[in-house]
Amino acid sequence: MKKLFFVILIFAFNSAYASNFVGQLAPSFKLMAQDGSHKSLNDYRGKWLVLYFYPKDDTPGCTTEAKNFRDAYAKFQSLETEIVGVSLDDNASHQDFSKKYQLPFDILSDTEKKAAKAYKVLGGFGPVKYTKRQTFIIDPQGNIVYHFEKVNAKEHSKNVMARLKQLQKELG
């Protein structure tokens, strides 16, 4: 019984913790994109933004996720939405990853882990750090309106598209 209580308590804490993002201003960032330019949250202001964090370039799940966003990119653009990927990989890795899979959207390098910490997606095992696979939908005013904590790389772009359409309909 005591164990069940702690499981429920941890679940409630995690749910409350995650939901704290929704409705708040998205944490700002300034990171390097694969083309060498620096991008900040303000660069995407005025459009919807799908900000997705992923663990590592050129790994199976991350490649699947990126390719699915690539394949749906025109649909996202038609909804006045930008896609931006972020990981801890350096810019050279992002350049190779983006070129190899012809990614039409920004991939940002968070080598100092500042954005990962601000969005609370920094994970790891001992000295090995990575960004957890999580996604934030940010409205044109810079507010987080949805947070995907659990992501299935194969279905994620479809799930994001469905939620985005719903949010745009509800929020205008």
C-alpha atoms as a PDB file:
ATOM      1  CA  MET A   1       0.000   0.000   0.000  1.00  0.00           C
ATOM      2  CA  LYS A   2       2.856   2.345   0.880  1.00  0.00           C
ATOM      3  CA  LYS A   3       4.505   1.623  -2.482  1.00  0.00           C
ATOM      4  CA  LEU A   4       1.270   2.421  -4.364  1.00  0.00           C
ATOM      5  CA  PHE A   5       0.992   5.726  -2.511  1.00  0.00           C
ATOM      6  CA  PHE A   6       4.505   6.724  -3.624  1.00  0.00           C
ATOM      7  CA  VAL A   7       3.809   5.705  -7.234  1.00  0.00           C
ATOM      8  CA  ILE A   8       0.652   7.853  -7.242  1.00  0.00           C
ATOM      9  CA  LEU A   9       2.508  10.721  -5.590  1.00  0.00           C
ATOM     10  CA  ILE A  10       5.341  10.574  -8.159  1.00  0.00           C
ATOM     11  CA  PHE A  11       2.835  10.416 -11.033  1.00  0.00           C
ATOM     12  CA  ALA A  12       0.920  13.415  -9.655  1.00  0.00           C
ATOM     13  CA  PHE A  13       4.151  15.389  -9.195  1.00  0.00           C
ATOM     14  CA  ASN A  14       5.359  14.584 -12.704  1.00  0.00           C
ATOM     15  CA  SER A  15       1.986  15.491 -14.207  1.00  0.00           C
ATOM     16  CA  ALA A  16       1.835  18.775 -12.325  1.00  0.00           C
ATOM     17  CA  TYR A  17       5.470  19.534 -13.132  1.00  0.00           C
ATOM     18  CA  ALA A  18       4.989  18.985 -16.861  1.00  0.00           C
ATOM     19  CA  SER A  19       1.765  20.945 -17.033  1.00  0.00           C
ATOM     20  CA  ASN A  20       3.536  23.959 -15.525  1.00  0.00           C
ATOM     21  CA  PHE A  21       4.987  24.666 -18.966  1.00  0.00           C
ATOM     22  CA  VAL A  22       1.638  24.992 -20.701  1.00  0.00           C
ATOM     23  CA  GLY A  23       0.358  28.550 -20.648  1.00  0.00           C
ATOM     24  CA  GLN A  24       3.735  30.044 -19.814  1.00  0.00           C
ATOM     25  CA  LEU A  25       6.086  32.053 -21.966  1.00  0.00           C
ATOM     26  CA  ALA A  26       8.558  29.740 -23.672  1.00  0.00           C
ATOM     27  CA  PRO A  27      12.117  30.048 -22.339  1.00  0.00           C
ATOM     28  CA  SER A  28      14.259  32.099 -24.687  1.00  0.00           C
ATOM     29  CA  PHE A  29      17.331  30.672 -26.381  1.00  0.00           C
ATOM     30  CA  LYS A  30      20.061  31.679 -28.792  1.00  0.00           C
ATOM     31  CA  LEU A  31      21.671  28.708 -30.527  1.00  0.00           C
ATOM     32  CA  MET A  32      23.606  28.000 -33.706  1.00  0.00           C
ATOM     33  CA  ALA A  33      21.731  26.494 -36.648  1.00  0.00           C
ATOM     34  CA  GLN A  34      23.275  24.055 -39.098  1.00  0.00           C
ATOM     35  CA  ASP A  35      23.874  26.893 -41.581  1.00  0.00           C
ATOM     36  CA  GLY A  36      26.081  28.711 -39.041  1.00  0.00           C
ATOM     37  CA  SER A  37      23.549  31.439 -38.223  1.00  0.00           C
ATOM     38  CA  HIS A  38      22.400  32.070 -34.673  1.00  0.00           C
ATOM     39  CA  LYS A  39      18.703  31.635 -33.985  1.00  0.00           C
ATOM     40  CA  SER A  40      16.682  32.813 -31.033  1.00  0.00           C
ATOM     41  CA  LEU A  41      13.102  32.215 -29.996  1.00  0.00           C
ATOM     42  CA  ASN A  42      12.291  35.739 -31.232  1.00  0.00           C
ATOM     43  CA  ASP A  43      13.247  34.716 -34.791  1.00  0.00           C
ATOM     44  CA  TYR A  44      10.138  32.527 -34.860  1.00  0.00           C
ATOM     45  CA  ARG A  45       7.769  35.057 -33.261  1.00  0.00           C
ATOM     46  CA  GLY A  46       4.585  35.652 -35.229  1.00  0.00           C
ATOM     47  CA  LYS A  47       4.344  32.023 -36.358  1.00  0.00           C
ATOM     48  CA  TRP A  48       3.497  28.810 -34.621  1.00  0.00           C
ATOM     49  CA  LEU A  49       6.584  26.846 -33.624  1.00  0.00           C
ATOM     50  CA  VAL A  50       7.115  23.142 -33.137  1.00  0.00           C
ATOM     51  CA  LEU A  51      10.266  22.957 -31.020  1.00  0.00           C
ATOM     52  CA  TYR A  52      11.375  19.353 -30.802  1.00  0.00           C
ATOM     53  CA  PHE A  53      14.264  18.073 -28.734  1.00  0.00           C
ATOM     54  CA  TYR A  54      15.917  14.806 -29.720  1.00  0.00           C
ATOM     55  CA  PRO A  55      18.833  12.786 -28.311  1.00  0.00           C
ATOM     56  CA  LYS A  56      21.358  12.315 -31.143  1.00  0.00           C
ATOM     57  CA  ASP A  57      21.898  12.946 -34.843  1.00  0.00           C
ATOM     58  CA  ASP A  58      21.871   9.972 -37.194  1.00  0.00           C
ATOM     59  CA  THR A  59      20.454   7.440 -34.743  1.00  0.00           C
ATOM     60  CA  PRO A  60      17.443   5.336 -35.796  1.00  0.00           C
ATOM     61  CA  GLY A  61      14.674   7.048 -33.797  1.00  0.00           C
ATOM     62  CA  CYS A  62      16.022  10.557 -34.313  1.00  0.00           C
ATOM     63  CA  THR A  63      16.449   9.993 -38.046  1.00  0.00           C
ATOM     64  CA  THR A  64      12.899   8.637 -38.361  1.00  0.00           C
ATOM     65  CA  GLU A  65      11.515  11.619 -36.453  1.00  0.00           C
ATOM     66  CA  ALA A  66      13.467  14.159 -38.531  1.00  0.00           C
ATOM     67  CA  LYS A  67      12.527  12.525 -41.852  1.00  0.00           C
ATOM     68  CA  ASN A  68       8.846  12.480 -40.894  1.00  0.00           C
ATOM     69  CA  PHE A  69       8.955  16.179 -40.012  1.00  0.00           C
ATOM     70  CA  ARG A  70      10.775  16.770 -43.328  1.00  0.00           C
ATOM     71  CA  ASP A  71       8.110  14.892 -45.275  1.00  0.00           C
ATOM     72  CA  ALA A  72       5.321  16.867 -43.588  1.00  0.00           C
ATOM     73  CA  TYR A  73       7.153  20.209 -43.687  1.00  0.00           C
ATOM     74  CA  ALA A  74       5.036  21.735 -46.479  1.00  0.00           C
ATOM     75  CA  LYS A  75       1.866  20.917 -44.515  1.00  0.00           C
ATOM     76  CA  PHE A  76       3.286  22.581 -41.407  1.00  0.00           C
ATOM     77  CA  GLN A  77       4.303  25.608 -43.485  1.00  0.00           C
ATOM     78  CA  SER A  78       0.752  25.880 -44.848  1.00  0.00           C
ATOM     79  CA  LEU A  79      -0.365  26.244 -41.204  1.00  0.00           C
ATOM     80  CA  GLU A  80       2.157  29.070 -40.681  1.00  0.00           C
ATOM     81  CA  THR A  81       4.244  26.798 -38.488  1.00  0.00           C
ATOM     82  CA  GLU A  82       8.006  26.418 -38.258  1.00  0.00           C
ATOM     83  CA  ILE A  83       9.723  23.206 -37.227  1.00  0.00           C
ATOM     84  CA  VAL A  84      12.939  23.434 -35.204  1.00  0.00           C
ATOM     85  CA  GLY A  85      14.983  20.519 -33.887  1.00  0.00           C
ATOM     86  CA  VAL A  86      17.425  20.798 -30.976  1.00  0.00           C
ATOM     87  CA  SER A  87      20.038  18.410 -29.622  1.00  0.00           C
ATOM     88  CA  LEU A  88      23.365  18.616 -27.816  1.00  0.00           C
ATOM     89  CA  ASP A  89      25.255  17.619 -30.981  1.00  0.00           C
ATOM     90  CA  ASP A  90      27.714  20.150 -32.372  1.00  0.00           C
ATOM     91  CA  ASN A  91      27.131  22.178 -35.497  1.00  0.00           C
ATOM     92  CA  ALA A  92      29.310  19.961 -37.736  1.00  0.00           C
ATOM     93  CA  SER A  93      27.164  16.961 -36.798  1.00  0.00           C
ATOM     94  CA  HIS A  94      24.006  18.949 -37.525  1.00  0.00           C
ATOM     95  CA  GLN A  95      25.365  20.049 -40.900  1.00  0.00           C
ATOM     96  CA  ASP A  96      26.024  16.439 -41.898  1.00  0.00           C
ATOM     97  CA  PHE A  97      22.671  15.213 -40.534  1.00  0.00           C
ATOM     98  CA  SER A  98      20.722  17.987 -42.241  1.00  0.00           C
ATOM     99  CA  LYS A  99      22.500  17.534 -45.572  1.00  0.00           C
ATOM    100  CA  LYS A 100      22.256  13.734 -45.524  1.00  0.00           C
ATOM    101  CA  TYR A 101      18.476  13.787 -44.991  1.00  0.00           C
ATOM    102  CA  GLN A 102      17.761  17.099 -46.786  1.00  0.00           C
ATOM    103  CA  LEU A 103      16.108  18.667 -43.750  1.00  0.00           C
ATOM    104  CA  PRO A 104      14.421  21.946 -44.740  1.00  0.00           C
ATOM    105  CA  PHE A 105      14.149  23.291 -41.182  1.00  0.00           C
ATOM    106  CA  ASP A 106      16.585  24.550 -38.571  1.00  0.00           C
ATOM    107  CA  ILE A 107      18.499  22.100 -36.412  1.00  0.00           C
ATOM    108  CA  LEU A 108      20.040  23.913 -33.453  1.00  0.00           C
ATOM    109  CA  SER A 109      23.143  22.973 -31.464  1.00  0.00           C
ATOM    110  CA  ASP A 110      22.746  23.212 -27.697  1.00  0.00           C
ATOM    111  CA  THR A 111      26.303  22.197 -26.829  1.00  0.00           C
ATOM    112  CA  GLU A 112      26.238  24.227 -23.594  1.00  0.00           C
ATOM    113  CA  LYS A 113      22.975  22.542 -22.546  1.00  0.00           C
ATOM    114  CA  LYS A 114      21.291  25.879 -21.780  1.00  0.00           C
ATOM    115  CA  ALA A 115      18.081  25.280 -23.749  1.00  0.00           C
ATOM    116  CA  ALA A 116      17.859  21.670 -22.555  1.00  0.00           C
ATOM    117  CA  LYS A 117      18.032  22.871 -18.955  1.00  0.00           C
ATOM    118  CA  ALA A 118      15.565  25.720 -19.530  1.00  0.00           C
ATOM    119  CA  TYR A 119      13.020  23.345 -21.100  1.00  0.00           C
ATOM    120  CA  LYS A 120      13.855  20.645 -18.513  1.00  0.00           C
ATOM    121  CA  VAL A 121      14.708  18.015 -21.135  1.00  0.00           C
ATOM    122  CA  LEU A 122      18.316  17.319 -20.162  1.00  0.00           C
ATOM    123  CA  GLY A 123      18.826  13.636 -19.514  1.00  0.00           C
ATOM    124  CA  GLY A 124      21.728  11.298 -19.203  1.00  0.00           C
ATOM    125  CA  PHE A 125      23.621   8.510 -17.545  1.00  0.00           C
ATOM    126  CA  GLY A 126      26.516   9.754 -15.437  1.00  0.00           C
ATOM    127  CA  PRO A 127      28.771  11.910 -17.615  1.00  0.00           C
ATOM    128  CA  VAL A 128      26.853  11.111 -20.833  1.00  0.00           C
ATOM    129  CA  LYS A 129      24.202  13.784 -21.429  1.00  0.00           C
ATOM    130  CA  TYR A 130      21.508  14.070 -24.092  1.00  0.00           C
ATOM    131  CA  THR A 131      18.209  15.817 -24.676  1.00  0.00           C
ATOM    132  CA  LYS A 132      15.105  13.789 -23.949  1.00  0.00           C
ATOM    133  CA  ARG A 133      12.778  13.295 -26.903  1.00  0.00           C
ATOM    134  CA  GLN A 134      10.114  15.897 -26.103  1.00  0.00           C
ATOM    135  CA  THR A 135       8.287  18.527 -28.121  1.00  0.00           C
ATOM    136  CA  PHE A 136       6.728  21.891 -27.384  1.00  0.00           C
ATOM    137  CA  ILE A 137       4.133  23.693 -29.475  1.00  0.00           C
ATOM    138  CA  ILE A 138       4.585  27.436 -29.082  1.00  0.00           C
ATOM    139  CA  ASP A 139       1.988  29.938 -30.266  1.00  0.00           C
ATOM    140  CA  PRO A 140       2.822  33.080 -32.313  1.00  0.00           C
ATOM    141  CA  GLN A 141       3.075  35.156 -29.108  1.00  0.00           C
ATOM    142  CA  GLY A 142       5.731  32.831 -27.654  1.00  0.00           C
ATOM    143  CA  ASN A 143       3.562  30.892 -25.188  1.00  0.00           C
ATOM    144  CA  ILE A 144       3.842  27.148 -24.735  1.00  0.00           C
ATOM    145  CA  VAL A 145       0.422  25.744 -25.586  1.00  0.00           C
ATOM    146  CA  TYR A 146       1.270  22.034 -25.628  1.00  0.00           C
ATOM    147  CA  HIS A 147       4.037  19.773 -24.348  1.00  0.00           C
ATOM    148  CA  PHE A 148       4.585  16.249 -25.663  1.00  0.00           C
ATOM    149  CA  GLU A 149       6.482  14.410 -22.935  1.00  0.00           C
ATOM    150  CA  LYS A 150       6.208  10.966 -24.459  1.00  0.00           C
ATOM    151  CA  VAL A 151       7.072  10.698 -28.121  1.00  0.00           C
ATOM    152  CA  ASN A 152       6.828   7.790 -30.552  1.00  0.00           C
ATOM    153  CA  ALA A 153       9.321   8.788 -33.263  1.00  0.00           C
ATOM    154  CA  LYS A 154       7.379   7.023 -36.042  1.00  0.00           C
ATOM    155  CA  GLU A 155       4.032   8.681 -35.289  1.00  0.00           C
ATOM    156  CA  HIS A 156       5.185  11.949 -33.801  1.00  0.00           C
ATOM    157  CA  SER A 157       4.859  14.303 -36.777  1.00  0.00           C
ATOM    158  CA  LYS A 158       1.280  13.059 -37.342  1.00  0.00           C
ATOM    159  CA  ASN A 159       0.449  13.526 -33.662  1.00  0.00           C
ATOM    160  CA  VAL A 160       1.946  17.017 -33.647  1.00  0.00           C
ATOM    161  CA  MET A 161       0.034  17.953 -36.809  1.00  0.00           C
ATOM    162  CA  ALA A 162      -3.273  16.775 -35.324  1.00  0.00           C
ATOM    163  CA  ARG A 163      -2.689  18.624 -32.046  1.00  0.00           C
ATOM    164  CA  LEU A 164      -1.524  21.766 -33.874  1.00  0.00           C
ATOM    165  CA  LYS A 165      -4.670  21.862 -36.002  1.00  0.00           C
ATOM    166  CA  GLN A 166      -6.805  21.425 -32.886  1.00  0.00           C
ATOM    167  CA  LEU A 167      -4.951  24.186 -31.033  1.00  0.00           C
ATOM    168  CA  GLN A 168      -5.158  26.582 -33.965  1.00  0.00           C
ATOM    169  CA  LYS A 169      -8.884  25.968 -34.183  1.00  0.00           C
ATOM    170  CA  GLU A 170      -9.374  26.465 -30.432  1.00  0.00           C
ATOM    171  CA  LEU A 171      -6.982  29.391 -29.948  1.00  0.00           C
ATOM    172  CA  GLY A 172      -7.346  31.089 -33.295  1.00  0.00           C
END
